[in-house]
N, C-alpha and C. Protein backbone atom coordinates (compact mmCIF):
# COMPACT_ATOMS: atom_id res chain seq x y z
N MET A 1 0.84 -1.16 0.16
CA MET A 1 0.02 0.04 -0.08
C MET A 1 0.67 1.26 0.06
N THR A 2 0.50 2.35 -0.84
CA THR A 2 1.37 3.40 -0.86
C THR A 2 1.02 4.36 0.43
N GLN A 3 1.95 5.03 0.67
CA GLN A 3 1.78 6.17 1.77
C GLN A 3 1.02 7.37 1.32
N ARG A 4 0.30 7.86 2.00
CA ARG A 4 -0.47 9.23 1.67
C ARG A 4 0.03 10.19 2.42
N TYR A 5 0.45 11.35 1.76
CA TYR A 5 0.89 12.50 2.42
C TYR A 5 0.07 13.64 2.44
N THR A 6 0.23 14.51 3.33
CA THR A 6 -0.63 15.63 3.36
C THR A 6 0.51 16.90 3.36
N ALA A 7 -0.01 18.06 3.04
CA ALA A 7 0.87 19.19 3.12
C ALA A 7 1.63 19.19 4.34
N ASP A 8 1.25 18.95 5.47
CA ASP A 8 1.98 19.02 6.65
C ASP A 8 2.81 17.89 6.89
N SER A 9 2.45 16.57 6.36
CA SER A 9 3.43 15.55 6.64
C SER A 9 4.47 14.98 5.52
N ILE A 10 4.47 15.71 4.46
CA ILE A 10 5.39 15.35 3.39
C ILE A 10 6.82 16.06 3.88
N THR A 11 7.89 15.24 3.55
CA THR A 11 9.21 15.74 3.60
C THR A 11 9.80 16.08 2.28
N ASP A 12 10.79 16.83 2.32
CA ASP A 12 11.62 17.25 1.06
C ASP A 12 11.98 16.05 0.36
N ASP A 13 12.52 15.03 1.12
CA ASP A 13 12.87 13.71 0.55
C ASP A 13 11.78 13.08 -0.15
N ALA A 14 10.67 12.91 0.42
CA ALA A 14 9.40 12.40 -0.16
C ALA A 14 9.04 13.05 -1.27
N LEU A 15 8.98 14.32 -1.20
CA LEU A 15 8.57 15.13 -2.42
C LEU A 15 9.47 14.90 -3.52
N ASP A 16 10.78 14.68 -3.31
CA ASP A 16 11.73 14.60 -4.47
C ASP A 16 11.44 13.08 -5.02
N GLN A 17 11.16 12.15 -4.23
CA GLN A 17 10.78 10.82 -4.62
C GLN A 17 9.76 10.90 -5.58
N LEU A 18 8.57 11.66 -5.10
CA LEU A 18 7.35 11.61 -5.79
C LEU A 18 7.56 12.29 -7.30
N TYR A 19 8.42 13.38 -7.25
CA TYR A 19 8.76 13.98 -8.45
C TYR A 19 9.55 13.15 -9.35
N ASP A 20 10.39 12.33 -8.75
CA ASP A 20 11.21 11.42 -9.54
C ASP A 20 10.41 10.37 -10.25
N ASN A 21 9.56 9.76 -9.44
CA ASN A 21 8.70 8.85 -10.06
C ASN A 21 7.76 9.32 -11.05
N ALA A 22 7.27 10.53 -10.90
CA ALA A 22 6.41 11.18 -12.05
C ALA A 22 7.29 11.47 -13.18
N THR A 23 8.53 12.04 -13.29
CA THR A 23 9.38 12.27 -14.22
C THR A 23 9.79 10.76 -14.89
N ARG A 24 9.84 9.87 -14.26
CA ARG A 24 10.23 8.47 -15.01
C ARG A 24 9.08 7.98 -15.71
N GLY A 25 7.85 8.21 -15.24
CA GLY A 25 6.64 7.85 -15.87
C GLY A 25 6.46 8.72 -17.12
N TRP A 26 6.70 9.91 -17.17
CA TRP A 26 6.44 10.97 -18.42
C TRP A 26 7.53 10.39 -19.32
N ARG A 27 8.74 10.03 -18.98
CA ARG A 27 9.83 9.72 -19.80
C ARG A 27 9.48 8.26 -20.50
N ARG A 28 8.95 7.40 -19.69
CA ARG A 28 8.36 6.18 -20.27
C ARG A 28 7.41 6.32 -21.37
N GLY A 29 6.39 7.25 -20.95
CA GLY A 29 5.33 7.66 -21.85
C GLY A 29 5.84 8.21 -23.14
N ASP A 30 6.84 9.02 -23.15
CA ASP A 30 7.56 9.49 -24.42
C ASP A 30 8.18 8.44 -25.17
N GLU A 31 8.98 7.59 -24.39
CA GLU A 31 9.46 6.33 -25.16
C GLU A 31 8.59 5.63 -25.95
N TRP A 32 7.42 5.31 -25.19
CA TRP A 32 6.30 4.52 -25.82
C TRP A 32 5.76 5.34 -27.08
N LYS A 33 5.61 6.57 -26.85
CA LYS A 33 5.02 7.51 -27.98
C LYS A 33 5.91 7.26 -29.25
N ALA A 34 7.22 7.63 -28.96
CA ALA A 34 8.22 7.43 -30.16
C ALA A 34 8.30 6.08 -30.75
N ARG A 35 8.05 5.15 -30.04
CA ARG A 35 8.02 3.80 -30.66
C ARG A 35 6.80 3.50 -31.40
N ALA A 36 5.73 4.06 -31.00
CA ALA A 36 4.39 4.09 -31.72
C ALA A 36 4.59 4.76 -32.99
N LEU A 37 4.97 5.94 -32.82
CA LEU A 37 5.19 6.72 -34.14
C LEU A 37 6.20 6.10 -35.23
N LYS A 38 7.20 5.29 -34.85
CA LYS A 38 8.05 4.84 -35.72
C LYS A 38 7.23 3.47 -36.25
N ALA A 39 6.64 2.82 -35.47
CA ALA A 39 5.63 1.59 -36.01
C ALA A 39 4.66 2.14 -36.88
N GLU A 40 3.99 3.27 -36.60
CA GLU A 40 3.00 3.72 -37.54
C GLU A 40 3.68 4.01 -38.98
N ALA A 41 4.82 4.78 -38.91
CA ALA A 41 5.59 5.11 -40.08
C ALA A 41 5.87 4.05 -40.85
N ALA A 42 6.37 2.77 -40.15
CA ALA A 42 6.61 1.54 -41.01
C ALA A 42 5.52 0.96 -41.66
N ILE A 43 4.36 0.98 -40.87
CA ILE A 43 3.24 0.52 -41.57
C ILE A 43 2.65 1.24 -42.62
N ALA A 44 2.87 2.62 -42.68
CA ALA A 44 2.53 3.29 -43.79
C ALA A 44 3.51 3.21 -45.02
N ARG A 45 4.85 2.97 -44.75
CA ARG A 45 5.74 2.52 -45.80
C ARG A 45 5.22 1.26 -46.48
N LEU A 46 4.92 0.29 -45.62
CA LEU A 46 4.58 -1.06 -46.12
C LEU A 46 3.25 -0.90 -46.68
N THR A 47 2.29 -0.26 -46.45
CA THR A 47 0.88 -0.19 -47.13
C THR A 47 1.17 0.38 -48.56
N ALA A 48 2.01 1.50 -48.43
CA ALA A 48 2.31 2.31 -49.77
C ALA A 48 3.19 1.31 -50.69
N TRP A 49 3.93 0.48 -50.20
CA TRP A 49 4.57 -0.58 -51.19
C TRP A 49 3.56 -1.48 -51.80
N ALA A 50 2.56 -2.00 -50.84
CA ALA A 50 1.60 -2.78 -51.33
C ALA A 50 0.65 -2.09 -52.43
N ASP A 51 0.54 -0.88 -52.30
CA ASP A 51 -0.20 0.01 -53.25
C ASP A 51 0.51 -0.01 -54.66
N GLU A 52 1.81 0.23 -54.52
CA GLU A 52 2.73 0.07 -55.72
C GLU A 52 2.69 -1.33 -56.30
N LEU A 53 2.77 -2.47 -55.60
CA LEU A 53 2.56 -3.66 -56.04
C LEU A 53 1.25 -3.89 -57.08
N ASP A 54 0.24 -3.23 -56.39
CA ASP A 54 -1.09 -3.57 -57.08
C ASP A 54 -1.22 -2.86 -58.29
N GLU A 55 -0.42 -1.53 -58.38
CA GLU A 55 -0.55 -0.64 -59.42
C GLU A 55 0.30 -1.50 -60.48
N TYR A 56 1.52 -1.98 -60.24
CA TYR A 56 2.24 -2.71 -61.14
C TYR A 56 1.40 -3.87 -61.92
N SER A 57 0.67 -4.72 -61.01
CA SER A 57 -0.14 -5.81 -61.37
C SER A 57 -1.11 -5.33 -62.39
N GLN A 58 -1.89 -4.13 -61.92
CA GLN A 58 -2.81 -3.67 -62.82
C GLN A 58 -2.43 -3.22 -64.28
N VAL A 59 -1.13 -2.78 -64.23
CA VAL A 59 -0.46 -2.29 -65.68
C VAL A 59 -0.13 -3.53 -66.31
N VAL A 60 0.44 -4.40 -65.74
CA VAL A 60 1.11 -5.77 -66.50
C VAL A 60 -0.17 -6.63 -66.81
N LEU A 61 -1.22 -6.77 -66.09
CA LEU A 61 -2.33 -7.51 -66.30
C LEU A 61 -3.24 -6.94 -67.12
N LYS A 62 -3.19 -5.51 -67.31
CA LYS A 62 -4.31 -4.63 -67.87
C LYS A 62 -5.69 -4.86 -67.38
N ASP A 63 -5.62 -5.02 -65.96
CA ASP A 63 -6.97 -5.09 -65.28
C ASP A 63 -6.94 -4.09 -64.24
N GLN A 64 -7.85 -3.18 -64.00
CA GLN A 64 -7.68 -2.06 -63.01
C GLN A 64 -8.21 -2.54 -61.76
N THR A 65 -8.68 -3.95 -61.57
CA THR A 65 -9.01 -4.42 -60.31
C THR A 65 -8.08 -5.46 -59.88
N ALA A 66 -6.95 -5.67 -60.58
CA ALA A 66 -6.05 -6.74 -59.92
C ALA A 66 -5.25 -6.44 -58.85
N GLN A 67 -5.23 -7.22 -58.02
CA GLN A 67 -4.35 -7.21 -56.96
C GLN A 67 -3.14 -8.10 -56.78
N HIS A 68 -2.04 -7.50 -56.40
CA HIS A 68 -0.63 -8.37 -56.43
C HIS A 68 -0.95 -9.40 -55.28
N PRO A 69 -0.62 -10.52 -55.25
CA PRO A 69 -0.73 -11.54 -54.23
C PRO A 69 -0.05 -11.19 -52.98
N VAL A 70 1.31 -10.51 -53.18
CA VAL A 70 1.88 -10.15 -51.88
C VAL A 70 1.29 -8.93 -51.23
N ALA A 71 0.66 -7.97 -52.08
CA ALA A 71 0.07 -6.77 -51.40
C ALA A 71 -1.18 -7.46 -50.63
N ALA A 72 -1.82 -8.29 -51.17
CA ALA A 72 -3.00 -8.89 -50.65
C ALA A 72 -2.74 -9.60 -49.30
N GLN A 73 -1.66 -10.14 -49.32
CA GLN A 73 -1.39 -10.96 -47.81
C GLN A 73 -0.78 -9.88 -46.89
N ILE A 74 -0.05 -8.84 -47.38
CA ILE A 74 0.48 -7.79 -46.55
C ILE A 74 -0.87 -7.16 -46.03
N ARG A 75 -1.79 -6.89 -46.58
CA ARG A 75 -3.12 -6.27 -46.07
C ARG A 75 -3.76 -7.20 -45.18
N HIS A 76 -3.76 -8.38 -45.46
CA HIS A 76 -4.44 -9.43 -44.61
C HIS A 76 -3.81 -9.45 -43.27
N HIS A 77 -2.50 -9.54 -43.37
CA HIS A 77 -1.82 -9.66 -42.00
C HIS A 77 -1.94 -8.34 -41.20
N LEU A 78 -1.99 -7.24 -41.84
CA LEU A 78 -2.11 -6.10 -40.96
C LEU A 78 -3.55 -5.59 -40.46
N THR A 79 -4.69 -6.47 -41.00
CA THR A 79 -5.92 -6.12 -40.43
C THR A 79 -5.94 -6.66 -38.76
N GLN A 80 -6.93 -6.07 -38.07
CA GLN A 80 -6.99 -6.35 -36.78
C GLN A 80 -7.83 -7.71 -36.62
N PRO A 81 -7.14 -8.67 -35.70
CA PRO A 81 -7.79 -9.74 -35.55
C PRO A 81 -9.14 -9.69 -35.11
N GLN A 82 -10.07 -10.67 -35.60
CA GLN A 82 -11.38 -10.68 -35.10
C GLN A 82 -11.51 -11.17 -33.72
N GLU A 83 -12.17 -10.58 -32.89
CA GLU A 83 -12.47 -11.17 -31.53
C GLU A 83 -13.33 -12.30 -31.59
N THR A 84 -13.01 -13.37 -30.86
CA THR A 84 -13.94 -14.38 -30.67
C THR A 84 -14.24 -14.74 -29.41
N SER A 85 -15.49 -15.17 -29.04
CA SER A 85 -15.80 -15.62 -27.73
C SER A 85 -16.25 -17.16 -27.87
N THR A 86 -15.98 -17.77 -26.81
CA THR A 86 -16.37 -19.17 -26.70
C THR A 86 -17.48 -19.31 -25.83
N PRO A 87 -18.48 -20.17 -26.04
CA PRO A 87 -19.66 -20.36 -25.17
C PRO A 87 -19.22 -20.95 -23.85
């Protein structure tokens, strides 16, 4: 259980510990945000490449609805998994 402080009972050391803990939490949040932004950028590059593969297939096959099989698999694996529930 965490100790509760009041304005009358907190010491300088305890206040420093609280600020240090909060700072570590903010830094961890910044690190997670940076990782998420990198992951989103990687996914954007991957989906752009899949679009390029589709465009190439459409030109080669002369079919505007053609999908490159690798692009289709990329999109399939990037979709959110369906939630399933068992009875």
